[in-house]
Amino acid sequence: MPLEPQAEAQLLERFNALLPGTLMETLQMRFVAVDPEAPLLQMAMPVGPAVHQPAGLLHGGVSAALAESVGSAASALLLPDPEQYHILGTHLQCHHLRSAREGTITATARCVHGGRTSHLWEIKVGDEQDKLLSHCHLTNRIIPK
């Protein structure tokens, strides 16, 4: 059952409070949707010249950074007390299928496996027309602090 809008807004506020001083802030990433029951987490960012590669297209490393950022954060949804664990991305695989020049891209992380010590996330990065740009998988190691 999806969260009530106020509960979703509060959870998104907590996720977005983690961004200042990070790569995610530098790239203007923001968490935009969350459903702990699914579990699902979405993150969006603008695309423009600052994140282009020399051919004027979105740099694939930026898509990978967005995918790893949302997938790593999503693992917190599976933990009873995320403050008691380190979530470490150990493997990221991205297939870049198309690119973008401008607009907003959104990465959606969905859980494939949520075990005690490892999580596997499927992350789809899409554009404003819901065209698939990158299809990624992220494995996270879950280590108690």
Protein backbone atom coordinates (compact mmCIF):
# COMPACT_ATOMS: atom_id res chain seq x y z
CA MET A 1 0.00 0.00 0.00
CA PRO A 2 1.56 3.33 -1.06
CA LEU A 3 2.45 5.92 1.54
CA GLU A 4 0.12 8.76 2.37
CA PRO A 5 1.34 11.93 0.59
CA GLN A 6 2.45 13.58 3.84
CA ALA A 7 4.42 10.48 4.94
CA GLU A 8 6.07 10.24 1.50
CA ALA A 9 7.00 13.95 1.67
CA GLN A 10 8.58 13.48 5.09
CA LEU A 11 10.58 10.45 3.96
CA LEU A 12 11.75 12.28 0.82
CA GLU A 13 12.78 15.23 2.98
CA ARG A 14 14.93 12.88 5.11
CA PHE A 15 16.58 11.38 2.00
CA ASN A 16 17.19 14.82 0.45
CA ALA A 17 18.72 16.08 3.71
CA LEU A 18 21.63 13.69 3.04
CA LEU A 19 22.63 15.42 -0.22
CA PRO A 20 24.40 18.67 0.81
CA GLY A 21 28.16 18.51 0.31
CA THR A 22 28.02 15.40 -1.91
CA LEU A 23 28.36 14.50 -5.58
CA MET A 24 24.57 14.27 -5.67
CA GLU A 25 24.28 17.94 -4.72
CA THR A 26 26.94 18.91 -7.28
CA LEU A 27 24.94 17.15 -10.02
CA GLN A 28 21.65 18.62 -8.69
CA MET A 29 20.13 15.21 -7.96
CA ARG A 30 16.95 15.07 -5.86
CA PHE A 31 14.89 12.22 -4.48
CA VAL A 32 11.41 12.58 -5.97
CA ALA A 33 9.39 9.46 -5.07
CA VAL A 34 9.53 6.65 -2.52
CA ASP A 35 7.49 3.57 -1.68
CA PRO A 36 9.00 1.52 1.17
CA GLU A 37 6.49 -1.29 0.61
CA ALA A 38 7.46 -1.92 -3.03
CA PRO A 39 10.36 -1.08 -2.26
CA LEU A 40 11.02 1.67 -4.80
CA LEU A 41 13.00 4.89 -4.79
CA GLN A 42 13.28 7.54 -7.52
CA MET A 43 15.83 10.26 -8.05
CA ALA A 44 15.89 12.95 -10.76
CA MET A 45 18.44 15.42 -12.10
CA PRO A 46 18.68 18.04 -14.83
CA VAL A 47 20.61 17.43 -18.05
CA GLY A 48 22.51 20.22 -19.75
CA PRO A 49 26.01 21.14 -20.96
CA ALA A 50 27.56 20.72 -17.49
CA VAL A 51 26.95 16.94 -17.64
CA HIS A 52 27.64 16.39 -21.35
CA GLN A 53 30.51 14.50 -22.89
CA PRO A 54 32.37 16.18 -25.79
CA ALA A 55 29.76 15.12 -28.39
CA GLY A 56 27.12 17.17 -26.55
CA LEU A 57 25.28 14.19 -25.06
CA LEU A 58 24.70 13.12 -21.46
CA HIS A 59 27.90 11.51 -20.16
CA GLY A 60 27.39 7.81 -19.38
CA GLY A 61 29.25 8.24 -16.10
CA VAL A 62 26.58 10.68 -14.97
CA SER A 63 23.86 8.11 -15.62
CA ALA A 64 25.94 5.59 -13.67
CA ALA A 65 26.38 8.05 -10.79
CA LEU A 66 22.61 8.63 -10.70
CA ALA A 67 21.94 4.88 -10.75
CA GLU A 68 24.41 4.13 -7.96
CA SER A 69 23.16 7.04 -5.87
CA VAL A 70 19.51 6.00 -5.98
CA GLY A 71 20.27 2.27 -5.63
CA SER A 72 22.55 2.76 -2.63
CA ALA A 73 20.03 4.99 -0.89
CA ALA A 74 17.23 2.54 -1.67
CA SER A 75 18.93 -0.13 0.43
CA ALA A 76 18.11 1.97 3.49
CA LEU A 77 14.43 1.14 2.84
CA LEU A 78 15.16 -2.53 3.61
CA LEU A 79 17.03 -2.01 6.87
CA PRO A 80 15.38 -1.87 10.31
CA ASP A 81 17.73 0.94 11.40
CA PRO A 82 19.83 2.29 8.48
CA GLU A 83 22.01 4.30 10.89
CA GLN A 84 23.46 1.00 12.16
CA TYR A 85 24.82 -0.12 8.76
CA HIS A 86 27.23 0.87 6.03
CA ILE A 87 25.69 0.44 2.57
CA LEU A 88 28.51 -0.12 0.08
CA GLY A 89 28.03 -0.45 -3.66
CA THR A 90 30.20 -3.35 -4.78
CA HIS A 91 29.14 -3.86 -8.41
CA LEU A 92 27.42 -1.57 -10.89
CA GLN A 93 26.55 -2.63 -14.42
CA CYS A 94 24.98 -0.14 -16.83
CA HIS A 95 23.78 -0.62 -20.37
CA HIS A 96 23.44 2.80 -22.01
CA LEU A 97 20.75 2.47 -24.67
CA ARG A 98 20.22 6.10 -25.70
CA SER A 99 21.20 9.52 -24.48
CA ALA A 100 19.77 12.95 -23.75
CA ARG A 101 20.91 16.52 -24.40
CA GLU A 102 18.62 18.44 -22.07
CA GLY A 103 15.66 18.11 -19.75
CA THR A 104 15.31 15.96 -16.66
CA ILE A 105 16.23 12.32 -16.26
CA THR A 106 14.80 10.05 -13.57
CA ALA A 107 16.27 6.86 -12.12
CA THR A 108 13.92 4.31 -10.59
CA ALA A 109 15.38 1.65 -8.29
CA ARG A 110 13.40 -1.54 -7.65
CA CYS A 111 14.57 -4.32 -5.39
CA VAL A 112 15.46 -7.65 -6.99
CA HIS A 113 16.95 -9.25 -3.85
CA GLY A 114 17.00 -7.91 -0.30
CA GLY A 115 19.05 -10.26 1.83
CA ARG A 116 20.66 -9.76 5.21
CA THR A 117 24.14 -8.90 3.84
CA SER A 118 23.53 -8.04 0.19
CA HIS A 119 20.94 -6.23 -1.88
CA LEU A 120 20.48 -6.28 -5.64
CA TRP A 121 18.69 -3.38 -7.35
CA GLU A 122 17.46 -2.94 -10.90
CA ILE A 123 17.65 0.72 -11.89
CA LYS A 124 16.08 2.19 -14.99
CA VAL A 125 17.12 5.68 -16.07
CA GLY A 126 14.58 7.39 -18.30
CA ASP A 127 13.88 10.76 -19.86
CA GLU A 128 10.82 13.00 -19.63
CA GLN A 129 9.07 10.96 -22.34
CA ASP A 130 9.66 7.74 -20.36
CA LYS A 131 12.19 6.52 -22.93
CA LEU A 132 14.72 4.15 -21.39
CA LEU A 133 18.21 5.66 -21.45
CA SER A 134 20.14 3.20 -19.24
CA HIS A 135 19.34 -0.15 -17.67
CA CYS A 136 21.50 -0.83 -14.60
CA HIS A 137 22.00 -3.36 -11.82
CA LEU A 138 23.64 -2.48 -8.52
CA THR A 139 24.82 -4.87 -5.81
CA ASN A 140 25.18 -3.41 -2.34
CA ARG A 141 27.01 -5.01 0.56
CA ILE A 142 25.33 -4.41 3.94
CA ILE A 143 27.83 -4.20 6.82
CA PRO A 144 27.01 -3.46 10.45
CA LYS A 145 28.86 -0.42 11.82
